[in-house]
């Protein structure tokens, strides 16, 4: 048995383009073009969203060193504002006037404010205890200080003049 011969004709003309095949070709090209345009639109949208995401990530990313520095600066600014809120001029003038009323026999050694409680701790020295009590009484008549109280006193026996070292606290008033 022999196989039928295979005739290959490479020269024969192609069938002419029909209306149906032309319409199908145009529809295929249009569909491919529409798919390409949609792909480019989605790709550009994705790129824009990635840029927004990167910008948001950069904006929300905080440097811990900057945060610590800012916290330190705001804490220092708060302390400075508290320090400026202390009525130093009037407070020192009041203490100086009370000392002058005691004929200069009271020496104020230190003044330590407590800004949160509006208190001031005063340490001083005098020749004797009645002068200290007079000093405290004079400060009780002050318009700036409230509740001045003697906390402690100590007679220095190692000193030949036996001075009295005292500590007192008072609350300062906020005057306009």
Protein backbone atom coordinates (compact mmCIF):
# COMPACT_ATOMS: atom_id res chain seq x y z
CA UNK A 1 0.00 0.00 0.00
CA UNK A 2 1.17 3.30 -0.90
CA UNK A 3 0.29 6.65 0.61
CA UNK A 4 -1.51 9.22 -1.45
CA UNK A 5 0.81 11.89 -2.76
CA UNK A 6 0.95 15.19 -0.86
CA UNK A 7 0.83 18.20 -3.07
CA UNK A 8 2.29 21.35 -1.60
CA UNK A 9 1.56 24.43 -3.55
CA UNK A 10 3.51 27.40 -2.23
CA UNK A 11 2.70 29.61 -5.14
CA UNK A 12 -1.07 29.54 -5.14
CA UNK A 13 -2.87 32.77 -4.38
CA UNK A 14 -4.48 33.42 -1.05
CA UNK A 15 -8.24 33.72 -0.78
CA UNK A 16 -9.39 37.32 -1.01
CA UNK A 17 -10.29 39.23 2.16
CA UNK A 18 -13.98 39.08 2.82
CA UNK A 19 -16.11 41.62 4.65
CA UNK A 20 -16.60 39.36 7.70
CA UNK A 21 -12.91 38.63 8.04
CA UNK A 22 -12.07 42.36 7.70
CA UNK A 23 -14.57 43.27 10.42
CA UNK A 24 -13.14 40.56 12.69
CA UNK A 25 -9.63 41.85 12.02
CA UNK A 26 -10.65 45.44 12.87
CA UNK A 27 -12.46 44.30 16.04
CA UNK A 28 -9.37 42.33 17.15
CA UNK A 29 -7.05 45.31 16.55
CA UNK A 30 -9.48 47.63 18.39
CA UNK A 31 -9.75 45.21 21.33
CA UNK A 32 -5.95 44.90 21.54
CA UNK A 33 -5.62 48.73 21.43
CA UNK A 34 -8.26 49.16 24.17
CA UNK A 35 -6.51 46.55 26.33
CA UNK A 36 -3.20 48.37 25.81
CA UNK A 37 -4.72 51.74 26.76
CA UNK A 38 -6.34 50.24 29.89
CA UNK A 39 -3.06 48.61 30.87
CA UNK A 40 -1.17 51.92 30.54
CA UNK A 41 -3.85 53.75 32.54
CA UNK A 42 -3.73 51.18 35.37
CA UNK A 43 0.08 51.17 35.32
CA UNK A 44 0.28 54.98 35.66
CA UNK A 45 -2.32 54.88 38.47
CA UNK A 46 -0.31 52.20 40.30
CA UNK A 47 2.87 54.30 39.96
CA UNK A 48 1.07 57.35 41.36
CA UNK A 49 -0.23 55.35 44.32
CA UNK A 50 3.26 54.03 45.01
CA UNK A 51 4.61 57.59 45.06
CA UNK A 52 1.89 58.63 47.50
CA UNK A 53 2.62 55.61 49.67
CA UNK A 54 6.35 56.41 49.71
CA UNK A 55 5.61 60.04 50.62
CA UNK A 56 3.28 58.95 53.42
CA UNK A 57 5.87 56.48 54.71
CA UNK A 58 8.54 59.20 54.69
CA UNK A 59 6.17 61.61 56.43
CA UNK A 60 5.23 59.13 59.14
CA UNK A 61 8.80 57.89 59.63
CA UNK A 62 10.26 59.83 62.52
CA UNK A 63 13.84 59.96 63.54
CA UNK A 64 14.04 58.95 67.22
CA UNK A 65 16.97 61.29 67.77
CA UNK A 66 14.89 64.22 66.50
CA UNK A 67 12.00 63.21 68.76
CA UNK A 68 14.30 63.06 71.80
CA UNK A 69 15.84 66.40 70.91
CA UNK A 70 12.41 68.02 70.47
CA UNK A 71 11.24 66.54 73.78
CA UNK A 72 14.34 67.88 75.50
CA UNK A 73 13.83 71.31 73.98
CA UNK A 74 10.17 71.45 75.00
CA UNK A 75 11.07 70.32 78.52
CA UNK A 76 13.75 73.00 78.74
CA UNK A 77 11.28 75.58 77.43
CA UNK A 78 8.78 74.52 80.11
CA UNK A 79 11.40 74.88 82.84
CA UNK A 80 12.38 78.28 81.48
CA UNK A 81 8.75 79.41 81.42
CA UNK A 82 8.34 78.28 85.03
CA UNK A 83 11.51 80.10 86.01
CA UNK A 84 10.30 83.25 84.30
CA UNK A 85 6.98 82.86 86.10
CA UNK A 86 8.66 83.27 89.48
CA UNK A 87 8.20 86.85 90.71
CA UNK A 88 11.89 87.24 91.50
CA UNK A 89 11.98 91.03 91.60
CA UNK A 90 9.12 91.38 94.06
CA UNK A 91 10.21 88.34 96.08
CA UNK A 92 13.77 89.57 96.53
CA UNK A 93 12.56 93.11 97.28
CA UNK A 94 10.23 91.74 99.96
CA UNK A 95 13.00 89.66 101.57
CA UNK A 96 15.38 92.61 101.43
CA UNK A 97 12.81 94.92 103.04
CA UNK A 98 12.20 92.41 105.84
CA UNK A 99 15.94 92.11 106.37
CA UNK A 100 16.28 95.92 106.48
CA UNK A 101 13.48 96.07 109.09
CA UNK A 102 15.59 93.79 111.29
CA UNK A 103 18.45 96.31 111.10
CA UNK A 104 20.37 94.07 108.72
CA UNK A 105 20.94 91.40 111.37
CA UNK A 106 19.35 88.68 109.19
CA UNK A 107 21.46 87.17 106.43
CA UNK A 108 19.60 85.26 103.73
CA UNK A 109 21.84 82.40 102.59
CA UNK A 110 19.73 80.69 99.93
CA UNK A 111 16.39 80.93 98.18
CA UNK A 112 15.04 77.84 96.42
CA UNK A 113 11.72 78.07 94.55
CA UNK A 114 9.38 75.12 93.99
CA UNK A 115 7.56 76.17 90.82
CA UNK A 116 4.92 73.46 90.88
CA UNK A 117 3.73 74.35 94.39
CA UNK A 118 4.51 78.10 94.21
CA UNK A 119 6.59 77.68 97.35
CA UNK A 120 9.92 79.19 98.24
CA UNK A 121 12.38 77.70 100.72
CA UNK A 122 14.56 80.30 102.45
CA UNK A 123 17.67 79.53 104.48
CA UNK A 124 19.23 82.26 106.59
CA UNK A 125 21.31 83.14 109.59
CA UNK A 126 20.80 85.54 112.49
CA UNK A 127 22.47 86.55 115.74
CA UNK A 128 19.67 85.22 117.91
CA UNK A 129 16.28 83.49 117.77
CA UNK A 130 14.05 86.54 118.59
CA UNK A 131 15.40 88.28 115.45
CA UNK A 132 14.46 85.21 113.39
CA UNK A 133 10.95 85.20 114.85
CA UNK A 134 10.60 88.93 114.11
CA UNK A 135 11.76 88.31 110.54
CA UNK A 136 9.13 85.60 110.07
CA UNK A 137 6.48 87.89 111.59
CA UNK A 138 7.48 90.69 109.21
CA UNK A 139 7.16 88.31 106.22
CA UNK A 140 3.71 87.23 107.44
CA UNK A 141 2.56 90.82 106.90
CA UNK A 142 3.77 90.69 103.29
CA UNK A 143 1.31 90.97 100.40
CA UNK A 144 3.44 88.71 98.18
CA UNK A 145 4.12 85.82 100.55
CA UNK A 146 1.47 83.64 102.12
CA UNK A 147 1.93 81.40 105.13
CA UNK A 148 5.61 82.04 105.91
CA UNK A 149 6.57 79.49 108.56
CA UNK A 150 9.75 78.69 110.37
CA UNK A 151 10.59 75.06 109.63
CA UNK A 152 13.75 74.66 111.67
CA UNK A 153 16.43 76.53 113.52
CA UNK A 154 19.80 75.51 114.84
CA UNK A 155 22.21 77.34 117.16
CA UNK A 156 25.78 76.92 115.91
CA UNK A 157 27.72 76.07 119.06
CA UNK A 158 31.00 75.63 117.21
CA UNK A 159 30.99 79.34 116.27
CA UNK A 160 32.02 81.74 119.11
CA UNK A 161 29.16 84.17 118.25
CA UNK A 162 26.57 81.32 118.37
CA UNK A 163 24.54 82.37 115.29
CA UNK A 164 21.15 80.82 114.62
CA UNK A 165 20.75 79.15 111.25
CA UNK A 166 17.11 78.82 110.21
CA UNK A 167 14.99 77.44 107.39
CA UNK A 168 11.55 78.63 106.46
CA UNK A 169 9.02 78.16 103.67
CA UNK A 170 6.39 80.43 102.21
CA UNK A 171 3.97 80.37 99.30
CA UNK A 172 4.14 83.22 96.81
CA UNK A 173 1.03 84.80 95.38
CA UNK A 174 0.43 85.56 91.74
CA UNK A 175 -0.16 89.30 91.68
CA UNK A 176 -1.16 91.05 88.46
